[in-house]
Amino acid sequence: MRTIAVLNYKGGVGKTTFTISVSQALAMAGFRVLAIDNDSQHHLSLVVDGNGQRTPSIREVYRSSVGIAGKKLLDAITETGLRNFHIIPSHAELTGHDVKDTHILEKAIEYASLSRFYDYIMIDNSPGIDILQETAMHAADEIFVPTELSYFAVNGIIELHRILDKRFRGCCPITKIVPNGYKGTNKQIDYLEALMSLYSEKITETFIPYDPVFDTCMKEQKTLFIHKLFSKAAAHYLKLIHELFDLDEKRVWEQVCDVKQNHLRGEARQRFFEQQKRALMDEPEENKKLQQHLQTQVVFEDLPAIGKIEF
């Protein structure tokens, strides 16, 4: 099992979108994936599960003793609409004060023997480096850093490296930096060259392009690789997971296409059954209304032509 913390010192660089997209792509490629929402903004929970207040959540894991944390972790695992992809949701009240032991997540994962059930764990984090992010780093084997190509984003990565070297030297290393929202502008190219000069061996060859389809999928809780498979965003993410996880690109594409077709057929069947169910439920009511109408006509036809009717 490979556990990956998704971190960046700067906010708004696409960490949650990256975590969801990579997790879903891996799941559709046949791997068992668990995504942990380690952010009090709980955007991953909202997008995938539609619920930011579900309990137990990662908060209950942090607030538990070591012996109980593993059970809470298992209890918090929530299925999604995609096979092989589960999440552990976060909670709006999650704070660093909930963490009593920065190794608790690491211990809970080991205690729950998650390596028996999952091939990958992706941990989504809020911006910065604090106790919550430290907990994720102790549990992870490596760090992926999605980043925009802007002045503040580049400086955020430099700051992230500085803090990790100074305060968390024994934690997992940054293995990949993923340029995100790429449009190919002159300024972005300049910032990309600046990053390459500093961390050339860590920058992925695949850049995630700017694509409005991300916002559409997140807002409508749709799976990128099912509902927008032929978008440039989906194509680049499939190429990216081939690079990040050393997968066979052709085989991944075939598996994703099969899952897409099966999922869409399943959705079509579900819609058909729901329509049939509504029709069966509505039919007696329609017959009842028709019967009442006919009875009313009979009553009025039997009334006398003149005279006042007393009720």
C-alpha atoms as a PDB file:
ATOM      1  CA  MET A   1       0.000   0.000   0.000  1.00  0.00           C
ATOM      2  CA  ARG A   2       1.204   3.484  -0.884  1.00  0.00           C
ATOM      3  CA  THR A   3       0.091   6.460   1.230  1.00  0.00           C
ATOM      4  CA  ILE A   4       0.363   9.956  -0.235  1.00  0.00           C
ATOM      5  CA  ALA A   5      -0.170  13.328   1.460  1.00  0.00           C
ATOM      6  CA  VAL A   6      -1.343  16.108  -0.860  1.00  0.00           C
ATOM      7  CA  LEU A   7       0.143  19.347   0.472  1.00  0.00           C
ATOM      8  CA  ASN A   8       0.870  22.932  -0.452  1.00  0.00           C
ATOM      9  CA  TYR A   9       1.747  25.890   1.721  1.00  0.00           C
ATOM     10  CA  LYS A  10      -0.544  28.046  -0.440  1.00  0.00           C
ATOM     11  CA  GLY A  11      -4.319  27.699  -0.729  1.00  0.00           C
ATOM     12  CA  GLY A  12      -6.429  27.625  -3.878  1.00  0.00           C
ATOM     13  CA  VAL A  13      -3.976  25.597  -5.953  1.00  0.00           C
ATOM     14  CA  GLY A  14      -6.293  22.648  -6.635  1.00  0.00           C
ATOM     15  CA  LYS A  15      -5.313  20.142  -3.942  1.00  0.00           C
ATOM     16  CA  THR A  16      -8.826  18.778  -3.463  1.00  0.00           C
ATOM     17  CA  THR A  17      -9.514  18.561  -7.204  1.00  0.00           C
ATOM     18  CA  PHE A  18      -6.184  16.777  -7.609  1.00  0.00           C
ATOM     19  CA  THR A  19      -6.933  14.321  -4.774  1.00  0.00           C
ATOM     20  CA  ILE A  20     -10.387  13.482  -6.107  1.00  0.00           C
ATOM     21  CA  SER A  21      -9.296  13.185  -9.741  1.00  0.00           C
ATOM     22  CA  VAL A  22      -6.273  10.995  -9.030  1.00  0.00           C
ATOM     23  CA  SER A  23      -8.277   8.809  -6.622  1.00  0.00           C
ATOM     24  CA  GLN A  24     -11.123   8.306  -9.082  1.00  0.00           C
ATOM     25  CA  ALA A  25      -8.743   7.588 -11.965  1.00  0.00           C
ATOM     26  CA  LEU A  26      -6.888   4.969  -9.914  1.00  0.00           C
ATOM     27  CA  ALA A  27     -10.167   3.379  -8.793  1.00  0.00           C
ATOM     28  CA  MET A  28     -11.425   3.162 -12.373  1.00  0.00           C
ATOM     29  CA  ALA A  29      -8.090   1.634 -13.372  1.00  0.00           C
ATOM     30  CA  GLY A  30      -8.826  -1.223 -10.977  1.00  0.00           C
ATOM     31  CA  PHE A  31      -7.031  -0.147  -7.811  1.00  0.00           C
ATOM     32  CA  ARG A  32      -8.605   0.076  -4.357  1.00  0.00           C
ATOM     33  CA  VAL A  33      -8.368   3.679  -3.164  1.00  0.00           C
ATOM     34  CA  LEU A  34      -9.149   5.452   0.099  1.00  0.00           C
ATOM     35  CA  ALA A  35      -9.166   9.262   0.224  1.00  0.00           C
ATOM     36  CA  ILE A  36      -8.956  10.936   3.640  1.00  0.00           C
ATOM     37  CA  ASP A  37     -10.352  14.456   3.991  1.00  0.00           C
ATOM     38  CA  ASN A  38      -7.977  16.101   6.464  1.00  0.00           C
ATOM     39  CA  ASP A  39      -9.328  19.613   5.933  1.00  0.00           C
ATOM     40  CA  SER A  40     -11.951  21.358   8.088  1.00  0.00           C
ATOM     41  CA  GLN A  41     -13.366  22.986   4.939  1.00  0.00           C
ATOM     42  CA  HIS A  42     -14.377  19.386   4.021  1.00  0.00           C
ATOM     43  CA  HIS A  43     -14.649  20.147   0.303  1.00  0.00           C
ATOM     44  CA  LEU A  44     -13.637  16.603  -0.627  1.00  0.00           C
ATOM     45  CA  SER A  45     -16.441  15.239   1.576  1.00  0.00           C
ATOM     46  CA  LEU A  46     -18.975  17.628   0.053  1.00  0.00           C
ATOM     47  CA  VAL A  47     -18.012  16.887  -3.545  1.00  0.00           C
ATOM     48  CA  VAL A  48     -17.771  13.110  -3.228  1.00  0.00           C
ATOM     49  CA  ASP A  49     -20.330  12.352  -0.534  1.00  0.00           C
ATOM     50  CA  GLY A  50     -22.505  15.488  -0.508  1.00  0.00           C
ATOM     51  CA  ASN A  51     -22.201  15.609   3.283  1.00  0.00           C
ATOM     52  CA  GLY A  52     -19.779  17.661   5.351  1.00  0.00           C
ATOM     53  CA  GLN A  53     -21.181  16.700   8.741  1.00  0.00           C
ATOM     54  CA  ARG A  54     -21.123  12.901   8.649  1.00  0.00           C
ATOM     55  CA  THR A  55     -19.915  11.095  11.760  1.00  0.00           C
ATOM     56  CA  PRO A  56     -17.765   9.321  12.559  1.00  0.00           C
ATOM     57  CA  SER A  57     -15.242  11.388  10.648  1.00  0.00           C
ATOM     58  CA  ILE A  58     -11.497  11.921  10.771  1.00  0.00           C
ATOM     59  CA  ARG A  59     -12.154  14.189  13.761  1.00  0.00           C
ATOM     60  CA  GLU A  60     -13.356  11.243  15.871  1.00  0.00           C
ATOM     61  CA  VAL A  61     -10.202   9.343  14.926  1.00  0.00           C
ATOM     62  CA  TYR A  62      -7.999  12.173  16.193  1.00  0.00           C
ATOM     63  CA  ARG A  63      -9.970  12.523  19.425  1.00  0.00           C
ATOM     64  CA  SER A  64      -9.669   8.808  20.262  1.00  0.00           C
ATOM     65  CA  SER A  65      -7.054   6.802  22.091  1.00  0.00           C
ATOM     66  CA  VAL A  66      -4.721   4.626  20.031  1.00  0.00           C
ATOM     67  CA  GLY A  67      -6.705   1.470  20.754  1.00  0.00           C
ATOM     68  CA  ILE A  68     -10.003   3.045  19.686  1.00  0.00           C
ATOM     69  CA  ALA A  69      -8.660   5.134  16.767  1.00  0.00           C
ATOM     70  CA  GLY A  70      -8.265   2.124  14.467  1.00  0.00           C
ATOM     71  CA  LYS A  71     -11.908   1.099  15.006  1.00  0.00           C
ATOM     72  CA  LYS A  72     -13.070   4.688  14.494  1.00  0.00           C
ATOM     73  CA  LEU A  73     -11.064   4.826  11.278  1.00  0.00           C
ATOM     74  CA  LEU A  74     -12.801   1.721   9.951  1.00  0.00           C
ATOM     75  CA  ASP A  75     -16.206   3.006  11.083  1.00  0.00           C
ATOM     76  CA  ALA A  76     -15.593   6.312   9.280  1.00  0.00           C
ATOM     77  CA  ILE A  77     -14.938   4.706   5.875  1.00  0.00           C
ATOM     78  CA  THR A  78     -17.744   5.728   3.522  1.00  0.00           C
ATOM     79  CA  GLU A  79     -18.591   4.275   0.132  1.00  0.00           C
ATOM     80  CA  THR A  80     -18.897   6.554  -2.876  1.00  0.00           C
ATOM     81  CA  GLY A  81     -20.813   6.116  -6.099  1.00  0.00           C
ATOM     82  CA  LEU A  82     -17.670   4.707  -7.701  1.00  0.00           C
ATOM     83  CA  ARG A  83     -16.535   1.148  -7.154  1.00  0.00           C
ATOM     84  CA  ASN A  84     -13.148   0.735  -5.401  1.00  0.00           C
ATOM     85  CA  PHE A  85     -13.212   4.359  -4.176  1.00  0.00           C
ATOM     86  CA  HIS A  86     -13.965   5.084  -0.514  1.00  0.00           C
ATOM     87  CA  ILE A  87     -13.472   8.183   1.613  1.00  0.00           C
ATOM     88  CA  ILE A  88     -13.062   9.120   5.248  1.00  0.00           C
ATOM     89  CA  PRO A  89     -14.929  12.422   5.582  1.00  0.00           C
ATOM     90  CA  SER A  90     -13.890  15.479   7.536  1.00  0.00           C
ATOM     91  CA  HIS A  91     -15.998  17.732   9.733  1.00  0.00           C
ATOM     92  CA  ALA A  92     -16.510  21.498   9.853  1.00  0.00           C
ATOM     93  CA  GLU A  93     -15.411  21.570  13.494  1.00  0.00           C
ATOM     94  CA  LEU A  94     -12.090  19.817  12.883  1.00  0.00           C
ATOM     95  CA  THR A  95      -9.119  21.768  14.288  1.00  0.00           C
ATOM     96  CA  GLY A  96      -5.552  21.056  15.283  1.00  0.00           C
ATOM     97  CA  HIS A  97      -6.714  20.954  18.913  1.00  0.00           C
ATOM     98  CA  ASP A  98      -8.444  17.645  18.156  1.00  0.00           C
ATOM     99  CA  VAL A  99      -5.049  16.005  17.584  1.00  0.00           C
ATOM    100  CA  LYS A 100      -3.511  14.721  20.806  1.00  0.00           C
ATOM    101  CA  ASP A 101      -0.850  12.598  19.109  1.00  0.00           C
ATOM    102  CA  THR A 102       0.608  13.548  15.714  1.00  0.00           C
ATOM    103  CA  HIS A 103       1.264   9.856  15.033  1.00  0.00           C
ATOM    104  CA  ILE A 104      -2.350   8.811  15.718  1.00  0.00           C
ATOM    105  CA  LEU A 105      -3.351   8.536  12.041  1.00  0.00           C
ATOM    106  CA  GLU A 106      -0.254   6.490  11.262  1.00  0.00           C
ATOM    107  CA  LYS A 107      -1.007   4.178  14.188  1.00  0.00           C
ATOM    108  CA  ALA A 108      -4.698   3.905  13.313  1.00  0.00           C
ATOM    109  CA  ILE A 109      -3.933   2.944   9.701  1.00  0.00           C
ATOM    110  CA  GLU A 110      -1.566   0.237  10.909  1.00  0.00           C
ATOM    111  CA  TYR A 111      -3.954  -0.962  13.642  1.00  0.00           C
ATOM    112  CA  ALA A 112      -6.845  -1.180  11.153  1.00  0.00           C
ATOM    113  CA  SER A 113      -4.651  -3.133   8.687  1.00  0.00           C
ATOM    114  CA  LEU A 114      -5.762  -0.918   5.818  1.00  0.00           C
ATOM    115  CA  SER A 115      -2.992  -2.336   3.649  1.00  0.00           C
ATOM    116  CA  ARG A 116      -5.159  -5.462   3.363  1.00  0.00           C
ATOM    117  CA  PHE A 117      -8.000  -3.472   1.827  1.00  0.00           C
ATOM    118  CA  TYR A 118      -6.405  -0.662  -0.199  1.00  0.00           C
ATOM    119  CA  ASP A 119      -3.667  -0.150  -2.748  1.00  0.00           C
ATOM    120  CA  TYR A 120      -3.495   3.631  -2.282  1.00  0.00           C
ATOM    121  CA  ILE A 121      -4.426   6.142   0.404  1.00  0.00           C
ATOM    122  CA  MET A 122      -4.634   9.815  -0.616  1.00  0.00           C
ATOM    123  CA  ILE A 123      -4.738  12.406   2.183  1.00  0.00           C
ATOM    124  CA  ASP A 124      -6.140  15.815   1.241  1.00  0.00           C
ATOM    125  CA  ASN A 125      -4.951  18.698   3.463  1.00  0.00           C
ATOM    126  CA  SER A 126      -5.718  22.338   4.115  1.00  0.00           C
ATOM    127  CA  PRO A 127      -3.089  24.972   3.165  1.00  0.00           C
ATOM    128  CA  GLY A 128      -0.043  25.550   5.340  1.00  0.00           C
ATOM    129  CA  ILE A 129       1.960  23.350   7.673  1.00  0.00           C
ATOM    130  CA  ASP A 130       0.405  22.805  11.084  1.00  0.00           C
ATOM    131  CA  ILE A 131      -0.439  19.924  13.373  1.00  0.00           C
ATOM    132  CA  LEU A 132      -3.064  18.444  11.013  1.00  0.00           C
ATOM    133  CA  GLN A 133      -0.624  18.418   8.104  1.00  0.00           C
ATOM    134  CA  GLU A 134       2.079  16.997  10.366  1.00  0.00           C
ATOM    135  CA  THR A 135      -0.249  14.133  11.277  1.00  0.00           C
ATOM    136  CA  ALA A 136      -0.789  13.421   7.572  1.00  0.00           C
ATOM    137  CA  MET A 137       2.941  13.501   6.881  1.00  0.00           C
ATOM    138  CA  HIS A 138       3.693  10.977   9.639  1.00  0.00           C
ATOM    139  CA  ALA A 139       1.099   8.642   8.099  1.00  0.00           C
ATOM    140  CA  ALA A 140       2.296   9.109   4.504  1.00  0.00           C
ATOM    141  CA  ASP A 141       5.158   7.641   2.515  1.00  0.00           C
ATOM    142  CA  GLU A 142       5.541  10.684   0.267  1.00  0.00           C
ATOM    143  CA  ILE A 143       4.123  14.099  -0.607  1.00  0.00           C
ATOM    144  CA  PHE A 144       2.584  15.304  -3.863  1.00  0.00           C
ATOM    145  CA  VAL A 145       2.392  19.078  -4.327  1.00  0.00           C
ATOM    146  CA  PRO A 146      -0.126  20.421  -6.864  1.00  0.00           C
ATOM    147  CA  THR A 147       0.718  24.036  -7.663  1.00  0.00           C
ATOM    148  CA  GLU A 148      -0.362  26.960  -9.752  1.00  0.00           C
ATOM    149  CA  LEU A 149       2.269  28.757 -11.778  1.00  0.00           C
ATOM    150  CA  SER A 150       2.268  32.162 -10.135  1.00  0.00           C
ATOM    151  CA  TYR A 151       4.597  34.244  -7.998  1.00  0.00           C
ATOM    152  CA  PHE A 152       2.937  33.330  -4.694  1.00  0.00           C
ATOM    153  CA  ALA A 153       2.612  29.655  -5.627  1.00  0.00           C
ATOM    154  CA  VAL A 154       6.303  29.320  -6.470  1.00  0.00           C
ATOM    155  CA  ASN A 155       7.266  31.085  -3.261  1.00  0.00           C
ATOM    156  CA  GLY A 156       4.867  28.809  -1.376  1.00  0.00           C
ATOM    157  CA  ILE A 157       6.740  25.739  -2.615  1.00  0.00           C
ATOM    158  CA  ILE A 158      10.070  27.253  -1.640  1.00  0.00           C
ATOM    159  CA  GLU A 159       8.641  27.991   1.831  1.00  0.00           C
ATOM    160  CA  LEU A 160       7.220  24.476   2.067  1.00  0.00           C
ATOM    161  CA  HIS A 161      10.633  22.952   1.360  1.00  0.00           C
ATOM    162  CA  ARG A 162      12.269  25.250   3.889  1.00  0.00           C
ATOM    163  CA  ILE A 163       9.804  24.306   6.655  1.00  0.00           C
ATOM    164  CA  LEU A 164      10.019  20.590   5.902  1.00  0.00           C
ATOM    165  CA  ASP A 165      13.816  20.707   6.023  1.00  0.00           C
ATOM    166  CA  LYS A 166      13.825  22.699   9.249  1.00  0.00           C
ATOM    167  CA  ARG A 167      10.977  21.201  11.272  1.00  0.00           C
ATOM    168  CA  PHE A 168      10.065  17.875   9.704  1.00  0.00           C
ATOM    169  CA  ARG A 169      13.302  16.392   8.440  1.00  0.00           C
ATOM    170  CA  GLY A 170      12.296  12.904   9.578  1.00  0.00           C
ATOM    171  CA  CYS A 171       8.925  12.983   7.787  1.00  0.00           C
ATOM    172  CA  CYS A 172       8.172  11.803   4.283  1.00  0.00           C
ATOM    173  CA  PRO A 173       9.749  13.686   1.346  1.00  0.00           C
ATOM    174  CA  ILE A 174       8.219  15.675  -1.494  1.00  0.00           C
ATOM    175  CA  THR A 175       8.474  13.342  -4.471  1.00  0.00           C
ATOM    176  CA  LYS A 176       6.331  15.125  -7.082  1.00  0.00           C
ATOM    177  CA  ILE A 177       5.344  18.703  -7.892  1.00  0.00           C
ATOM    178  CA  VAL A 178       2.411  18.908 -10.324  1.00  0.00           C
ATOM    179  CA  PRO A 179       1.859  22.156 -12.289  1.00  0.00           C
ATOM    180  CA  ASN A 180      -1.868  22.902 -12.318  1.00  0.00           C
ATOM    181  CA  GLY A 181      -4.156  25.276 -14.238  1.00  0.00           C
ATOM    182  CA  TYR A 182      -1.678  25.470 -17.094  1.00  0.00           C
ATOM    183  CA  LYS A 183      -2.542  27.842 -19.954  1.00  0.00           C
ATOM    184  CA  GLY A 184       0.906  28.231 -21.490  1.00  0.00           C
ATOM    185  CA  THR A 185       1.133  31.992 -20.908  1.00  0.00           C
ATOM    186  CA  ASN A 186       4.522  33.697 -20.893  1.00  0.00           C
ATOM    187  CA  LYS A 187       4.298  34.344 -17.150  1.00  0.00           C
ATOM    188  CA  GLN A 188       3.443  30.713 -16.414  1.00  0.00           C
ATOM    189  CA  ILE A 189       6.363  29.564 -18.537  1.00  0.00           C
ATOM    190  CA  ASP A 190       8.664  31.898 -16.591  1.00  0.00           C
ATOM    191  CA  TYR A 191       7.462  30.518 -13.246  1.00  0.00           C
ATOM    192  CA  LEU A 192       7.716  26.969 -14.548  1.00  0.00           C
ATOM    193  CA  GLU A 193      11.324  27.586 -15.543  1.00  0.00           C
ATOM    194  CA  ALA A 194      11.980  28.981 -12.067  1.00  0.00           C
ATOM    195  CA  LEU A 195      10.590  25.818 -10.502  1.00  0.00           C
ATOM    196  CA  MET A 196      12.552  23.633 -12.901  1.00  0.00           C
ATOM    197  CA  SER A 197      15.778  25.383 -11.939  1.00  0.00           C
ATOM    198  CA  LEU A 198      15.108  24.550  -8.280  1.00  0.00           C
ATOM    199  CA  TYR A 199      13.359  21.162  -8.372  1.00  0.00           C
ATOM    200  CA  SER A 200      13.759  19.797 -11.888  1.00  0.00           C
ATOM    201  CA  GLU A 201      13.780  16.144 -10.820  1.00  0.00           C
ATOM    202  CA  LYS A 202      10.458  16.539  -8.996  1.00  0.00           C
ATOM    203  CA  ILE A 203       8.391  18.404 -11.601  1.00  0.00           C
ATOM    204  CA  THR A 204       6.049  16.112 -13.512  1.00  0.00           C
ATOM    205  CA  GLU A 205       6.268  16.065 -17.288  1.00  0.00           C
ATOM    206  CA  THR A 206       2.469  16.195 -17.430  1.00  0.00           C
ATOM    207  CA  PHE A 207       0.861  19.546 -16.626  1.00  0.00           C
ATOM    208  CA  ILE A 208      -2.817  19.755 -15.692  1.00  0.00           C
ATOM    209  CA  PRO A 209      -4.452  22.280 -18.034  1.00  0.00           C
ATOM    210  CA  TYR A 210      -6.949  24.940 -17.104  1.00  0.00           C
ATOM    211  CA  ASP A 211     -10.379  23.505 -17.927  1.00  0.00           C
ATOM    212  CA  PRO A 212     -13.810  24.769 -16.729  1.00  0.00           C
ATOM    213  CA  VAL A 213     -14.977  21.163 -16.736  1.00  0.00           C
ATOM    214  CA  PHE A 214     -13.406  20.764 -13.274  1.00  0.00           C
ATOM    215  CA  ASP A 215     -15.819  23.283 -11.753  1.00  0.00           C
ATOM    216  CA  THR A 216     -18.760  21.662 -13.524  1.00  0.00           C
ATOM    217  CA  CYS A 217     -17.924  18.207 -12.191  1.00  0.00           C
ATOM    218  CA  MET A 218     -17.303  19.452  -8.657  1.00  0.00           C
ATOM    219  CA  LYS A 219     -20.498  21.501  -8.565  1.00  0.00           C
ATOM    220  CA  GLU A 220     -22.675  18.714  -9.985  1.00  0.00           C
ATOM    221  CA  GLN A 221     -20.892  15.908  -8.085  1.00  0.00           C
ATOM    222  CA  LYS A 222     -20.046  14.149 -11.328  1.00  0.00           C
ATOM    223  CA  THR A 223     -17.076  11.903 -12.009  1.00  0.00           C
ATOM    224  CA  LEU A 224     -14.678  13.487 -14.489  1.00  0.00           C
ATOM    225  CA  PHE A 225     -13.775  10.181 -16.154  1.00  0.00           C
ATOM    226  CA  ILE A 226     -17.392   9.078 -16.553  1.00  0.00           C
ATOM    227  CA  HIS A 227     -19.256  12.199 -17.539  1.00  0.00           C
ATOM    228  CA  LYS A 228     -16.408  14.179 -19.179  1.00  0.00           C
ATOM    229  CA  LEU A 229     -13.996  11.472 -20.261  1.00  0.00           C
ATOM    230  CA  PHE A 230     -13.163  13.131 -23.585  1.00  0.00           C
ATOM    231  CA  SER A 231     -12.271  16.493 -22.050  1.00  0.00           C
ATOM    232  CA  LYS A 232      -8.671  17.666 -22.056  1.00  0.00           C
ATOM    233  CA  ALA A 233      -8.743  17.608 -18.240  1.00  0.00           C
ATOM    234  CA  ALA A 234      -9.528  13.875 -18.134  1.00  0.00           C
ATOM    235  CA  ALA A 235      -6.963  13.081 -20.826  1.00  0.00           C
ATOM    236  CA  HIS A 236      -4.188  14.871 -18.944  1.00  0.00           C
ATOM    237  CA  TYR A 237      -5.092  13.257 -15.616  1.00  0.00           C
ATOM    238  CA  LEU A 238      -4.981   9.783 -17.143  1.00  0.00           C
ATOM    239  CA  LYS A 239      -1.581  10.613 -18.573  1.00  0.00           C
ATOM    240  CA  LEU A 240      -0.532  11.971 -15.169  1.00  0.00           C
ATOM    241  CA  ILE A 241      -1.419   8.821 -13.220  1.00  0.00           C
ATOM    242  CA  HIS A 242       0.531   6.842 -15.798  1.00  0.00           C
ATOM    243  CA  GLU A 243       3.525   9.017 -14.888  1.00  0.00           C
ATOM    244  CA  LEU A 244       2.983   9.159 -11.115  1.00  0.00           C
ATOM    245  CA  PHE A 245       2.301   5.464 -10.603  1.00  0.00           C
ATOM    246  CA  ASP A 246       4.150   3.873 -13.530  1.00  0.00           C
ATOM    247  CA  LEU A 247       1.007   2.406 -15.087  1.00  0.00           C
ATOM    248  CA  ASP A 248       0.401   1.119 -18.593  1.00  0.00           C
ATOM    249  CA  GLU A 249      -1.339   4.006 -20.356  1.00  0.00           C
ATOM    250  CA  LYS A 250      -3.229   1.876 -22.890  1.00  0.00           C
ATOM    251  CA  ARG A 251      -4.448  -0.591 -20.268  1.00  0.00           C
ATOM    252  CA  VAL A 252      -5.612   2.240 -17.995  1.00  0.00           C
ATOM    253  CA  TRP A 253      -7.535   3.845 -20.863  1.00  0.00           C
ATOM    254  CA  GLU A 254      -9.286   0.566 -21.709  1.00  0.00           C
ATOM    255  CA  GLN A 255     -10.237  -0.067 -18.082  1.00  0.00           C
ATOM    256  CA  VAL A 256     -11.533   3.473 -17.590  1.00  0.00           C
ATOM    257  CA  CYS A 257     -13.642   3.219 -20.770  1.00  0.00           C
ATOM    258  CA  ASP A 258     -15.127  -0.099 -19.585  1.00  0.00           C
ATOM    259  CA  VAL A 259     -16.007   1.354 -16.179  1.00  0.00           C
ATOM    260  CA  LYS A 260     -17.531   4.430 -17.831  1.00  0.00           C
ATOM    261  CA  GLN A 261     -19.783   2.328 -20.065  1.00  0.00           C
ATOM    262  CA  ASN A 262     -20.854   0.026 -17.229  1.00  0.00           C
ATOM    263  CA  HIS A 263     -21.552   2.991 -14.964  1.00  0.00           C
ATOM    264  CA  LEU A 264     -23.632   4.801 -17.587  1.00  0.00           C
ATOM    265  CA  ARG A 265     -25.590   1.610 -18.305  1.00  0.00           C
ATOM    266  CA  GLY A 266     -26.215   1.262 -14.591  1.00  0.00           C
ATOM    267  CA  GLU A 267     -27.437   4.861 -14.363  1.00  0.00           C
ATOM    268  CA  ALA A 268     -29.760   4.286 -17.342  1.00  0.00           C
ATOM    269  CA  ARG A 269     -31.204   1.151 -15.719  1.00  0.00           C
ATOM    270  CA  GLN A 270     -31.713   3.017 -12.471  1.00  0.00           C
ATOM    271  CA  ARG A 271     -33.556   5.844 -14.239  1.00  0.00           C
ATOM    272  CA  PHE A 272     -35.761   3.309 -16.040  1.00  0.00           C
ATOM    273  CA  PHE A 273     -36.656   1.498 -12.815  1.00  0.00           C
ATOM    274  CA  GLU A 274     -37.458   4.796 -11.084  1.00  0.00           C
ATOM    275  CA  GLN A 275     -39.716   5.842 -13.960  1.00  0.00           C
ATOM    276  CA  GLN A 276     -41.494   2.490 -13.857  1.00  0.00           C
ATOM    277  CA  LYS A 277     -41.897   2.748 -10.113  1.00  0.00           C
ATOM    278  CA  ARG A 278     -43.379   6.239 -10.380  1.00  0.00           C
ATOM    279  CA  ALA A 279     -45.717   5.071 -13.118  1.00  0.00           C
ATOM    280  CA  LEU A 280     -46.962   2.193 -10.975  1.00  0.00           C
ATOM    281  CA  MET A 281     -47.439   4.503  -8.006  1.00  0.00           C
ATOM    282  CA  ASP A 282     -49.223   7.130 -10.078  1.00  0.00           C
ATOM    283  CA  GLU A 283     -51.529   4.743 -11.932  1.00  0.00           C
ATOM    284  CA  PRO A 284     -53.851   3.885  -9.018  1.00  0.00           C
ATOM    285  CA  GLU A 285     -54.198   7.577  -8.206  1.00  0.00           C
ATOM    286  CA  GLU A 286     -55.142   8.375 -11.793  1.00  0.00           C
ATOM    287  CA  ASN A 287     -57.681   5.562 -11.826  1.00  0.00           C
ATOM    288  CA  LYS A 288     -59.088   6.828  -8.562  1.00  0.00           C
ATOM    289  CA  LYS A 289     -59.503  10.348  -9.934  1.00  0.00           C
ATOM    290  CA  LEU A 290     -61.177   9.001 -13.082  1.00  0.00           C
ATOM    291  CA  GLN A 291     -63.530   6.893 -10.986  1.00  0.00           C
ATOM    292  CA  GLN A 292     -64.437   9.896  -8.824  1.00  0.00           C
ATOM    293  CA  HIS A 293     -65.055  11.967 -11.954  1.00  0.00           C
ATOM    294  CA  LEU A 294     -67.388   9.350 -13.432  1.00  0.00           C
ATOM    295  CA  GLN A 295     -69.245   9.022 -10.150  1.00  0.00           C
ATOM    296  CA  THR A 296     -69.704  12.799 -10.031  1.00  0.00           C
ATOM    297  CA  GLN A 297     -71.118  12.822 -13.558  1.00  0.00           C
ATOM    298  CA  VAL A 298     -73.606  10.116 -12.648  1.00  0.00           C
ATOM    299  CA  VAL A 299     -74.748  12.034  -9.572  1.00  0.00           C
ATOM    300  CA  PHE A 300     -75.307  15.259 -11.492  1.00  0.00           C
ATOM    301  CA  GLU A 301     -77.086  13.460 -14.315  1.00  0.00           C
ATOM    302  CA  ASP A 302     -79.512  11.998 -11.783  1.00  0.00           C
ATOM    303  CA  LEU A 303     -80.342  15.412 -10.267  1.00  0.00           C
ATOM    304  CA  PRO A 304     -83.766  16.953 -10.973  1.00  0.00           C
ATOM    305  CA  ALA A 305     -83.842  19.615 -13.649  1.00  0.00           C
ATOM    306  CA  ILE A 306     -85.436  22.234 -11.394  1.00  0.00           C
ATOM    307  CA  GLY A 307     -85.626  22.882  -7.716  1.00  0.00           C
ATOM    308  CA  LYS A 308     -83.171  23.750  -4.972  1.00  0.00           C
ATOM    309  CA  ILE A 309     -80.817  21.107  -3.706  1.00  0.00           C
ATOM    310  CA  GLU A 310     -80.520  20.851   0.032  1.00  0.00           C
ATOM    311  CA  PHE A 311     -77.285  19.571   1.647  1.00  0.00           C
END
